[in-house]
C-alpha atoms as a PDB file:
ATOM      1  CA  MET A   1     110.184  49.984 -14.913  1.00  0.00           C
ATOM      2  CA  ASN A   2     111.523  49.868 -11.347  1.00  0.00           C
ATOM      3  CA  ARG A   3     111.425  46.059 -11.395  1.00  0.00           C
ATOM      4  CA  LEU A   4     113.455  45.959 -14.603  1.00  0.00           C
ATOM      5  CA  VAL A   5     116.068  48.295 -13.120  1.00  0.00           C
ATOM      6  CA  THR A   6     116.256  46.196  -9.934  1.00  0.00           C
ATOM      7  CA  LEU A   7     116.580  42.983 -11.966  1.00  0.00           C
ATOM      8  CA  PHE A   8     119.312  44.537 -14.097  1.00  0.00           C
ATOM      9  CA  ILE A   9     121.232  45.634 -10.964  1.00  0.00           C
ATOM     10  CA  ILE A  10     120.956  42.128  -9.448  1.00  0.00           C
ATOM     11  CA  LEU A  11     122.199  40.513 -12.658  1.00  0.00           C
ATOM     12  CA  PHE A  12     125.040  43.011 -12.861  1.00  0.00           C
ATOM     13  CA  VAL A  13     126.073  42.282  -9.253  1.00  0.00           C
ATOM     14  CA  VAL A  14     125.909  38.505  -9.804  1.00  0.00           C
ATOM     15  CA  VAL A  15     128.035  38.685 -12.948  1.00  0.00           C
ATOM     16  CA  GLY A  16     130.494  41.028 -11.213  1.00  0.00           C
ATOM     17  CA  VAL A  17     130.835  38.696  -8.234  1.00  0.00           C
ATOM     18  CA  ALA A  18     131.227  35.745 -10.589  1.00  0.00           C
ATOM     19  CA  VAL A  19     134.020  37.442 -12.530  1.00  0.00           C
ATOM     20  CA  ALA A  20     135.832  38.500  -9.325  1.00  0.00           C
ATOM     21  CA  THR A  21     135.494  35.028  -7.852  1.00  0.00           C
ATOM     22  CA  THR A  22     136.765  33.434 -11.042  1.00  0.00           C
ATOM     23  CA  VAL A  23     139.886  35.601 -11.035  1.00  0.00           C
ATOM     24  CA  ILE A  24     140.557  35.019  -7.297  1.00  0.00           C
ATOM     25  CA  LEU A  25     140.060  31.249  -7.416  1.00  0.00           C
ATOM     26  CA  SER A  26     142.145  30.885 -10.553  1.00  0.00           C
ATOM     27  CA  ALA A  27     144.987  32.898  -9.035  1.00  0.00           C
ATOM     28  CA  VAL A  28     144.929  31.344  -5.562  1.00  0.00           C
ATOM     29  CA  LEU A  29     144.175  27.687  -6.324  1.00  0.00           C
ATOM     30  CA  HIS A  30     145.826  27.636  -9.759  1.00  0.00           C
ATOM     31  CA  ILE A  31     142.905  25.875 -11.396  1.00  0.00           C
ATOM     32  CA  SER A  32     140.723  26.634 -14.398  1.00  0.00           C
ATOM     33  CA  VAL A  33     137.438  28.187 -13.293  1.00  0.00           C
ATOM     34  CA  THR A  34     134.768  29.486 -15.707  1.00  0.00           C
ATOM     35  CA  ILE A  35     132.291  32.284 -15.126  1.00  0.00           C
ATOM     36  CA  THR A  36     129.417  29.864 -15.844  1.00  0.00           C
ATOM     37  CA  SER A  37     130.507  27.501 -13.068  1.00  0.00           C
ATOM     38  CA  VAL A  38     130.823  30.396 -10.627  1.00  0.00           C
ATOM     39  CA  ILE A  39     127.317  31.610 -11.493  1.00  0.00           C
ATOM     40  CA  ASN A  40     126.044  28.064 -10.897  1.00  0.00           C
ATOM     41  CA  ALA A  41     127.767  28.045  -7.505  1.00  0.00           C
ATOM     42  CA  ILE A  42     126.166  31.385  -6.610  1.00  0.00           C
ATOM     43  CA  LEU A  43     122.731  30.088  -7.604  1.00  0.00           C
ATOM     44  CA  ILE A  44     123.301  26.949  -5.517  1.00  0.00           C
ATOM     45  CA  GLY A  45     124.211  29.130  -2.560  1.00  0.00           C
ATOM     46  CA  VAL A  46     121.219  31.473  -2.897  1.00  0.00           C
ATOM     47  CA  VAL A  47     118.644  28.732  -3.468  1.00  0.00           C
ATOM     48  CA  GLY A  48     120.211  26.556  -0.769  1.00  0.00           C
ATOM     49  CA  VAL A  49     120.213  29.277   1.880  1.00  0.00           C
ATOM     50  CA  ILE A  50     116.598  30.212   1.137  1.00  0.00           C
ATOM     51  CA  SER A  51     115.532  26.555   1.246  1.00  0.00           C
ATOM     52  CA  ILE A  52     117.343  25.848   4.521  1.00  0.00           C
ATOM     53  CA  ASN A  53     115.839  28.930   6.170  1.00  0.00           C
ATOM     54  CA  ILE A  54     112.343  27.877   5.065  1.00  0.00           C
ATOM     55  CA  ILE A  55     112.841  24.298   6.300  1.00  0.00           C
ATOM     56  CA  SER A  56     114.289  25.408   9.660  1.00  0.00           C
ATOM     57  CA  ARG A  57     111.426  27.851  10.148  1.00  0.00           C
ATOM     58  CA  ILE A  58     108.840  25.155   9.430  1.00  0.00           C
ATOM     59  CA  ILE A  59     110.556  22.851  11.938  1.00  0.00           C
ATOM     60  CA  LYS A  60     110.437  25.584  14.577  1.00  0.00           C
ATOM     61  CA  LEU A  61     106.711  26.114  14.056  1.00  0.00           C
ATOM     62  CA  ARG A  62     105.600  22.486  13.658  1.00  0.00           C
ATOM     63  CA  ALA A  63     107.971  20.630  15.980  1.00  0.00           C
ATOM     64  CA  GLY A  64     107.662  23.270  18.707  1.00  0.00           C
ATOM     65  CA  ASN A  65     104.142  22.092  19.533  1.00  0.00           C
ATOM     66  CA  ILE A  66     105.294  18.455  19.785  1.00  0.00           C
ATOM     67  CA  VAL A  67     108.733  18.398  21.414  1.00  0.00           C
ATOM     68  CA  GLY A  68     108.849  21.908  22.897  1.00  0.00           C
ATOM     69  CA  ARG A  69     110.237  25.199  21.652  1.00  0.00           C
ATOM     70  CA  THR A  70     113.776  24.666  22.923  1.00  0.00           C
ATOM     71  CA  THR A  71     114.150  21.195  21.368  1.00  0.00           C
ATOM     72  CA  ALA A  72     112.643  22.471  18.115  1.00  0.00           C
ATOM     73  CA  GLU A  73     115.179  25.323  18.188  1.00  0.00           C
ATOM     74  CA  SER A  74     117.966  22.758  18.628  1.00  0.00           C
ATOM     75  CA  LEU A  75     116.749  20.712  15.638  1.00  0.00           C
ATOM     76  CA  SER A  76     116.465  23.855  13.550  1.00  0.00           C
ATOM     77  CA  LEU A  77     119.995  24.923  14.459  1.00  0.00           C
ATOM     78  CA  VAL A  78     121.455  21.498  13.614  1.00  0.00           C
ATOM     79  CA  ILE A  79     119.677  21.495  10.231  1.00  0.00           C
ATOM     80  CA  GLN A  80     121.007  24.980   9.470  1.00  0.00           C
ATOM     81  CA  PHE A  81     124.569  23.968  10.334  1.00  0.00           C
ATOM     82  CA  ILE A  82     124.466  20.749   8.288  1.00  0.00           C
ATOM     83  CA  GLY A  83     122.647  22.443   5.419  1.00  0.00           C
ATOM     84  CA  TYR A  84     125.110  25.312   5.141  1.00  0.00           C
ATOM     85  CA  THR A  85     128.003  22.841   5.206  1.00  0.00           C
ATOM     86  CA  ILE A  86     126.438  20.880   2.331  1.00  0.00           C
ATOM     87  CA  ILE A  87     125.857  24.111   0.385  1.00  0.00           C
ATOM     88  CA  VAL A  88     129.532  25.059   0.699  1.00  0.00           C
ATOM     89  CA  ILE A  89     130.616  21.620  -0.552  1.00  0.00           C
ATOM     90  CA  LEU A  90     128.153  21.749  -3.481  1.00  0.00           C
ATOM     91  CA  ALA A  91     129.251  25.277  -4.395  1.00  0.00           C
ATOM     92  CA  LEU A  92     132.903  24.204  -4.396  1.00  0.00           C
ATOM     93  CA  THR A  93     132.019  21.177  -6.509  1.00  0.00           C
ATOM     94  CA  ALA A  94     130.186  23.421  -8.997  1.00  0.00           C
ATOM     95  CA  VAL A  95     133.372  25.380  -9.619  1.00  0.00           C
ATOM     96  CA  HIS A  96     135.359  22.124  -9.867  1.00  0.00           C
ATOM     97  CA  VAL A  97     137.221  22.735  -6.617  1.00  0.00           C
ATOM     98  CA  ALA A  98     137.818  19.762  -4.337  1.00  0.00           C
ATOM     99  CA  VAL A  99     137.515  20.458  -0.631  1.00  0.00           C
ATOM    100  CA  THR A 100     141.031  19.117  -0.004  1.00  0.00           C
ATOM    101  CA  SER A 101     142.404  21.334  -2.762  1.00  0.00           C
ATOM    102  CA  ALA A 102     140.708  24.354  -1.245  1.00  0.00           C
ATOM    103  CA  LEU A 103     142.163  23.552   2.167  1.00  0.00           C
ATOM    104  CA  ILE A 104     145.677  22.722   0.992  1.00  0.00           C
ATOM    105  CA  GLY A 105     146.100  25.048  -1.971  1.00  0.00           C
ATOM    106  CA  GLY A 106     144.430  28.060  -0.424  1.00  0.00           C
ATOM    107  CA  THR A 107     146.382  28.284   2.813  1.00  0.00           C
ATOM    108  CA  VAL A 108     147.027  32.025   2.647  1.00  0.00           C
ATOM    109  CA  PHE A 109     143.580  32.734   1.238  1.00  0.00           C
ATOM    110  CA  GLY A 110     142.017  30.546   3.918  1.00  0.00           C
ATOM    111  CA  LEU A 111     143.999  32.313   6.624  1.00  0.00           C
ATOM    112  CA  VAL A 112     142.710  35.687   5.471  1.00  0.00           C
ATOM    113  CA  ILE A 113     139.136  34.426   5.259  1.00  0.00           C
ATOM    114  CA  GLY A 114     139.488  32.743   8.656  1.00  0.00           C
ATOM    115  CA  LEU A 115     140.604  35.990  10.295  1.00  0.00           C
ATOM    116  CA  ALA A 116     137.815  37.896   8.574  1.00  0.00           C
ATOM    117  CA  LEU A 117     135.207  35.372   9.719  1.00  0.00           C
ATOM    118  CA  GLN A 118     136.572  34.936  13.237  1.00  0.00           C
ATOM    119  CA  THR A 119     133.697  36.783  14.939  1.00  0.00           C
ATOM    120  CA  PRO A 120     130.866  35.285  12.813  1.00  0.00           C
ATOM    121  CA  LEU A 121     132.257  31.757  13.274  1.00  0.00           C
ATOM    122  CA  SER A 122     132.608  32.394  17.000  1.00  0.00           C
ATOM    123  CA  ASN A 123     128.914  33.343  17.080  1.00  0.00           C
ATOM    124  CA  VAL A 124     127.968  30.189  15.156  1.00  0.00           C
ATOM    125  CA  PHE A 125     129.822  27.766  17.424  1.00  0.00           C
ATOM    126  CA  SER A 126     128.685  29.655  20.511  1.00  0.00           C
ATOM    127  CA  GLY A 127     125.094  29.248  19.339  1.00  0.00           C
ATOM    128  CA  ILE A 128     125.641  25.499  18.983  1.00  0.00           C
ATOM    129  CA  PHE A 129     127.139  25.295  22.488  1.00  0.00           C
ATOM    130  CA  LEU A 130     124.199  27.273  23.902  1.00  0.00           C
ATOM    131  CA  ILE A 131     121.762  24.808  22.378  1.00  0.00           C
ATOM    132  CA  LEU A 132     123.735  21.793  23.649  1.00  0.00           C
ATOM    133  CA  SER A 133     124.359  23.085  27.185  1.00  0.00           C
ATOM    134  CA  ARG A 134     120.923  24.723  27.564  1.00  0.00           C
ATOM    135  CA  PRO A 135     121.652  27.300  30.272  1.00  0.00           C
ATOM    136  CA  PHE A 136     118.142  28.607  29.515  1.00  0.00           C
ATOM    137  CA  ASN A 137     115.115  27.688  27.438  1.00  0.00           C
ATOM    138  CA  ILE A 138     112.972  29.569  24.971  1.00  0.00           C
ATOM    139  CA  GLY A 139     110.420  31.527  26.993  1.00  0.00           C
ATOM    140  CA  ASP A 140     112.604  31.870  30.120  1.00  0.00           C
ATOM    141  CA  ARG A 141     112.913  35.272  31.749  1.00  0.00           C
ATOM    142  CA  VAL A 142     116.615  35.920  32.280  1.00  0.00           C
ATOM    143  CA  THR A 143     119.076  38.626  33.262  1.00  0.00           C
ATOM    144  CA  ILE A 144     122.256  38.780  31.159  1.00  0.00           C
ATOM    145  CA  THR A 145     125.354  40.413  32.658  1.00  0.00           C
ATOM    146  CA  THR A 146     129.023  40.615  31.698  1.00  0.00           C
ATOM    147  CA  TRP A 147     132.100  41.826  31.947  1.00  0.00           C
ATOM    148  CA  GLN A 148     132.872  40.135  34.286  1.00  0.00           C
ATOM    149  CA  TYR A 149     129.934  39.916  36.646  1.00  0.00           C
ATOM    150  CA  GLY A 150     130.590  43.031  38.724  1.00  0.00           C
ATOM    151  CA  LEU A 151     127.979  44.786  40.848  1.00  0.00           C
ATOM    152  CA  LEU A 152     127.156  48.496  41.062  1.00  0.00           C
ATOM    153  CA  ALA A 153     126.199  50.472  44.159  1.00  0.00           C
ATOM    154  CA  PRO A 154     123.236  52.841  43.660  1.00  0.00           C
ATOM    155  CA  THR A 155     124.482  56.426  43.884  1.00  0.00           C
ATOM    156  CA  TYR A 156     121.424  58.380  42.773  1.00  0.00           C
ATOM    157  CA  PRO A 157     118.266  59.469  44.634  1.00  0.00           C
ATOM    158  CA  PRO A 158     116.138  58.189  46.173  1.00  0.00           C
ATOM    159  CA  LYS A 159     119.073  56.971  48.231  1.00  0.00           C
ATOM    160  CA  PHE A 160     117.236  54.098  49.916  1.00  0.00           C
ATOM    161  CA  TRP A 161     116.326  51.946  46.953  1.00  0.00           C
ATOM    162  CA  SER A 162     115.563  48.411  47.951  1.00  0.00           C
ATOM    163  CA  ASN A 163     118.784  46.767  46.758  1.00  0.00           C
ATOM    164  CA  ASP A 164     122.193  47.305  48.280  1.00  0.00           C
ATOM    165  CA  PHE A 165     123.666  46.734  44.817  1.00  0.00           C
ATOM    166  CA  LEU A 166     122.597  46.732  41.172  1.00  0.00           C
ATOM    167  CA  ILE A 167     123.299  44.056  38.567  1.00  0.00           C
ATOM    168  CA  PRO A 168     124.523  45.803  35.374  1.00  0.00           C
ATOM    169  CA  GLY A 169     122.625  43.677  32.889  1.00  0.00           C
ATOM    170  CA  TYR A 170     119.578  43.277  30.658  1.00  0.00           C
ATOM    171  CA  THR A 171     116.459  41.426  31.731  1.00  0.00           C
ATOM    172  CA  GLY A 172     113.859  39.951  29.414  1.00  0.00           C
ATOM    173  CA  ILE A 173     112.303  36.830  27.909  1.00  0.00           C
ATOM    174  CA  ILE A 174     114.262  34.579  25.535  1.00  0.00           C
ATOM    175  CA  GLN A 175     112.492  34.643  22.166  1.00  0.00           C
ATOM    176  CA  ASP A 176     114.874  32.856  19.817  1.00  0.00           C
ATOM    177  CA  ILE A 177     118.349  31.311  19.470  1.00  0.00           C
ATOM    178  CA  ASN A 178     119.868  31.059  15.991  1.00  0.00           C
ATOM    179  CA  LEU A 179     123.352  30.568  14.594  1.00  0.00           C
ATOM    180  CA  MET A 180     124.375  34.198  15.150  1.00  0.00           C
ATOM    181  CA  TYR A 181     122.190  35.848  17.784  1.00  0.00           C
ATOM    182  CA  THR A 182     120.068  35.201  20.851  1.00  0.00           C
ATOM    183  CA  THR A 183     116.919  37.323  20.748  1.00  0.00           C
ATOM    184  CA  ILE A 184     115.489  38.736  23.978  1.00  0.00           C
ATOM    185  CA  LEU A 185     112.307  40.720  24.514  1.00  0.00           C
ATOM    186  CA  THR A 186     113.352  43.028  27.351  1.00  0.00           C
ATOM    187  CA  ASP A 187     111.106  44.086  30.212  1.00  0.00           C
ATOM    188  CA  GLU A 188     110.817  47.444  28.417  1.00  0.00           C
ATOM    189  CA  ASN A 189     109.194  45.576  25.481  1.00  0.00           C
ATOM    190  CA  VAL A 190     112.201  46.174  23.216  1.00  0.00           C
ATOM    191  CA  VAL A 191     113.590  43.379  21.022  1.00  0.00           C
ATOM    192  CA  MET A 192     117.306  42.917  21.704  1.00  0.00           C
ATOM    193  CA  LYS A 193     119.669  40.686  19.702  1.00  0.00           C
ATOM    194  CA  ILE A 194     122.843  39.647  21.563  1.00  0.00           C
ATOM    195  CA  PRO A 195     125.727  37.941  19.678  1.00  0.00           C
ATOM    196  CA  ASN A 196     126.131  34.340  20.813  1.00  0.00           C
ATOM    197  CA  ASN A 197     129.846  34.734  21.587  1.00  0.00           C
ATOM    198  CA  ILE A 198     128.825  37.248  24.280  1.00  0.00           C
ATOM    199  CA  MET A 199     126.043  35.005  25.596  1.00  0.00           C
ATOM    200  CA  ILE A 200     128.396  32.046  25.985  1.00  0.00           C
ATOM    201  CA  GLN A 201     130.622  33.971  28.436  1.00  0.00           C
ATOM    202  CA  ALA A 202     127.899  35.918  30.233  1.00  0.00           C
ATOM    203  CA  ALA A 203     126.479  35.295  33.692  1.00  0.00           C
ATOM    204  CA  ILE A 204     122.841  34.306  33.211  1.00  0.00           C
ATOM    205  CA  PHE A 205     120.242  34.692  35.958  1.00  0.00           C
ATOM    206  CA  VAL A 206     117.228  32.503  35.103  1.00  0.00           C
ATOM    207  CA  HIS A 207     114.050  33.802  36.772  1.00  0.00           C
ATOM    208  CA  ASN A 208     111.950  30.658  36.835  1.00  0.00           C
ATOM    209  CA  GLU A 209     111.265  30.729  40.562  1.00  0.00           C
ATOM    210  CA  GLU A 210     107.702  30.576  41.883  1.00  0.00           C
ATOM    211  CA  TYR A 211     108.540  33.247  44.424  1.00  0.00           C
ATOM    212  CA  ARG A 212     111.435  35.608  45.109  1.00  0.00           C
ATOM    213  CA  LEU A 213     112.852  37.807  47.816  1.00  0.00           C
ATOM    214  CA  VAL A 214     111.707  41.419  47.652  1.00  0.00           C
ATOM    215  CA  ARG A 215     113.540  43.861  49.921  1.00  0.00           C
ATOM    216  CA  THR A 216     111.920  47.191  50.700  1.00  0.00           C
ATOM    217  CA  LYS A 217     113.550  50.006  52.669  1.00  0.00           C
ATOM    218  CA  TYR A 218     111.697  52.868  54.291  1.00  0.00           C
ATOM    219  CA  GLU A 219     112.617  55.868  56.461  1.00  0.00           C
ATOM    220  CA  ILE A 220     110.525  56.417  59.581  1.00  0.00           C
ATOM    221  CA  PRO A 221     110.626  59.433  61.925  1.00  0.00           C
ATOM    222  CA  LYS A 222     112.552  58.819  65.138  1.00  0.00           C
ATOM    223  CA  ASP A 223     109.654  59.947  67.302  1.00  0.00           C
ATOM    224  CA  LEU A 224     107.919  56.650  66.408  1.00  0.00           C
ATOM    225  CA  ASP A 225     109.244  53.814  68.558  1.00  0.00           C
ATOM    226  CA  PRO A 226     110.508  50.937  66.338  1.00  0.00           C
ATOM    227  CA  ASP A 227     109.509  48.395  68.996  1.00  0.00           C
ATOM    228  CA  TYR A 228     105.945  49.540  68.475  1.00  0.00           C
ATOM    229  CA  VAL A 229     106.042  50.238  64.730  1.00  0.00           C
ATOM    230  CA  ILE A 230     107.629  46.968  63.595  1.00  0.00           C
ATOM    231  CA  PRO A 231     104.991  44.572  65.035  1.00  0.00           C
ATOM    232  CA  VAL A 232     102.187  46.724  63.614  1.00  0.00           C
ATOM    233  CA  LEU A 233     103.809  46.804  60.168  1.00  0.00           C
ATOM    234  CA  LYS A 234     104.424  43.064  60.255  1.00  0.00           C
ATOM    235  CA  GLU A 235     100.744  42.419  61.013  1.00  0.00           C
ATOM    236  CA  LYS A 236      99.556  44.718  58.212  1.00  0.00           C
ATOM    237  CA  ILE A 237     102.009  43.469  55.568  1.00  0.00           C
ATOM    238  CA  SER A 238     101.296  39.802  56.409  1.00  0.00           C
ATOM    239  CA  LYS A 239      97.748  40.287  55.117  1.00  0.00           C
ATOM    240  CA  LEU A 240      98.934  40.853  51.532  1.00  0.00           C
ATOM    241  CA  SER A 241      97.799  37.934  49.353  1.00  0.00           C
ATOM    242  CA  PHE A 242     101.014  37.511  47.345  1.00  0.00           C
ATOM    243  CA  LEU A 243     103.226  36.813  50.378  1.00  0.00           C
ATOM    244  CA  VAL A 244     104.611  33.286  50.783  1.00  0.00           C
ATOM    245  CA  LYS A 245     106.202  33.714  54.208  1.00  0.00           C
ATOM    246  CA  GLU A 246     105.874  36.089  57.120  1.00  0.00           C
ATOM    247  CA  PRO A 247     107.876  39.293  56.498  1.00  0.00           C
ATOM    248  CA  GLU A 248     111.080  40.018  58.363  1.00  0.00           C
ATOM    249  CA  ILE A 249     111.511  43.628  59.488  1.00  0.00           C
ATOM    250  CA  LYS A 250     114.637  45.087  61.050  1.00  0.00           C
ATOM    251  CA  VAL A 251     116.278  48.458  61.622  1.00  0.00           C
ATOM    252  CA  LEU A 252     119.243  48.982  59.297  1.00  0.00           C
ATOM    253  CA  ASP A 253     120.500  52.495  59.935  1.00  0.00           C
ATOM    254  CA  THR A 254     119.684  55.911  61.361  1.00  0.00           C
ATOM    255  CA  THR A 255     119.885  59.490  60.166  1.00  0.00           C
ATOM    256  CA  LEU A 256     119.572  62.711  62.118  1.00  0.00           C
ATOM    257  CA  ASN A 257     115.778  62.560  62.349  1.00  0.00           C
ATOM    258  CA  THR A 258     114.850  59.119  61.035  1.00  0.00           C
ATOM    259  CA  TYR A 259     115.727  55.450  61.172  1.00  0.00           C
ATOM    260  CA  VAL A 260     115.701  53.088  58.197  1.00  0.00           C
ATOM    261  CA  ILE A 261     113.855  49.782  58.267  1.00  0.00           C
ATOM    262  CA  SER A 262     114.251  46.865  55.882  1.00  0.00           C
ATOM    263  CA  VAL A 263     111.245  44.707  55.029  1.00  0.00           C
ATOM    264  CA  ASP A 264     112.245  41.329  53.563  1.00  0.00           C
ATOM    265  CA  THR A 265     109.352  39.436  52.002  1.00  0.00           C
ATOM    266  CA  TYR A 266     109.098  36.342  49.814  1.00  0.00           C
ATOM    267  CA  CYS A 267     106.524  37.179  47.146  1.00  0.00           C
ATOM    268  CA  LYS A 268     104.873  35.131  44.420  1.00  0.00           C
ATOM    269  CA  GLY A 269     106.036  35.785  40.869  1.00  0.00           C
ATOM    270  CA  GLN A 270     109.260  36.839  39.156  1.00  0.00           C
ATOM    271  CA  TYR A 271     108.951  40.623  39.386  1.00  0.00           C
ATOM    272  CA  GLU A 272     109.974  42.903  42.243  1.00  0.00           C
ATOM    273  CA  GLU A 273     108.241  46.171  41.428  1.00  0.00           C
ATOM    274  CA  PRO A 274     104.530  45.206  41.786  1.00  0.00           C
ATOM    275  CA  PRO A 275     104.820  43.646  45.279  1.00  0.00           C
ATOM    276  CA  ARG A 276     107.232  46.360  46.440  1.00  0.00           C
ATOM    277  CA  SER A 277     104.737  49.022  45.384  1.00  0.00           C
ATOM    278  CA  GLU A 278     101.981  47.393  47.461  1.00  0.00           C
ATOM    279  CA  ILE A 279     104.295  46.985  50.468  1.00  0.00           C
ATOM    280  CA  ILE A 280     105.315  50.650  50.338  1.00  0.00           C
ATOM    281  CA  LYS A 281     101.651  51.705  50.191  1.00  0.00           C
ATOM    282  CA  VAL A 282     100.878  49.584  53.249  1.00  0.00           C
ATOM    283  CA  ILE A 283     103.841  51.080  55.128  1.00  0.00           C
ATOM    284  CA  MET A 284     102.836  54.644  54.211  1.00  0.00           C
ATOM    285  CA  LYS A 285      99.243  54.085  55.282  1.00  0.00           C
ATOM    286  CA  THR A 286     100.263  52.382  58.528  1.00  0.00           C
ATOM    287  CA  ILE A 287     102.762  55.114  59.481  1.00  0.00           C
ATOM    288  CA  LYS A 288     100.114  57.762  58.885  1.00  0.00           C
ATOM    289  CA  GLU A 289      97.684  55.869  61.102  1.00  0.00           C
ATOM    290  CA  ILE A 290     100.268  55.541  63.887  1.00  0.00           C
ATOM    291  CA  GLN A 291     101.132  59.230  63.647  1.00  0.00           C
ATOM    292  CA  SER A 292      97.449  60.131  63.729  1.00  0.00           C
ATOM    293  CA  VAL A 293      96.891  58.003  66.842  1.00  0.00           C
ATOM    294  CA  LYS A 294      99.905  59.610  68.480  1.00  0.00           C
ATOM    295  CA  VAL A 295      98.619  63.108  67.717  1.00  0.00           C
ATOM    296  CA  ASN A 296      95.182  62.243  69.114  1.00  0.00           C
ATOM    297  CA  GLU A 297      96.725  60.823  72.288  1.00  0.00           C
ATOM    298  CA  LYS A 298      98.800  63.954  72.693  1.00  0.00           C
ATOM    299  CA  ASN A 299      95.773  66.219  72.209  1.00  0.00           C
ATOM    300  CA  SER A 300      93.661  64.196  74.622  1.00  0.00           C
ATOM    301  CA  SER A 301      96.347  64.407  77.286  1.00  0.00           C
ATOM    302  CA  HIS A 302      96.145  68.163  77.161  1.00  0.00           C
END
């Protein structure tokens, strides 16, 4: 029963759209258009769109293993663009409308449609430009930021986070690029779809490096001499397996009872948090050991 009701609603919508389209085309283009021809055009559009989507999806899956995911995405996008163009021409032919007649005779109508489709068309052409220019590939981990590439200073506790600025953007792995959206799986494991007209003007940080700079800041009590603490910390941190180069440690600032050190390390991988966590643990353990030695020396002197 539910299927019959759904089928009846679909048929009713199709006939309604066909009647409305017939009236609009007849009034705007001043040509004779029948309801039957409009229904044929609608069927061409529906079947054509479904077929193109199936073909483009097959190309993504099959060609991706041969020529790579990004190239397969490019082929899929080109096929979608060409296919949709052919569908529009066939649909116009079905209602006995020549393309030149539609362009010339429907100037006002075309202007209205053009304004209405400004954002979708912008997304489509932006998607094509993204595929052609290839600022990133499928599978890349990227950070997307706009408008227009400003930086933010951290103003919340803890006050000594490891960056002197924050990039106001989204970071994740590129999953897909189609005619309308670029799909990203964020680091929080959330699927995010960004319109292509935003992607084309965004600043894109591509994290394909084998190693990256990780900056860690830490407050140390002033009663511990930095000339003694820094060499000890450098020796301890250098033993971490993910380090590429020897760490650089310097004093950045002081407070009433502490001074702030900065530990700059080049670490393997694309993520900051895991190596920073290990570095902080090493610093905490080392400072406790130094303080313990100092207390023992003080007690022994008495």
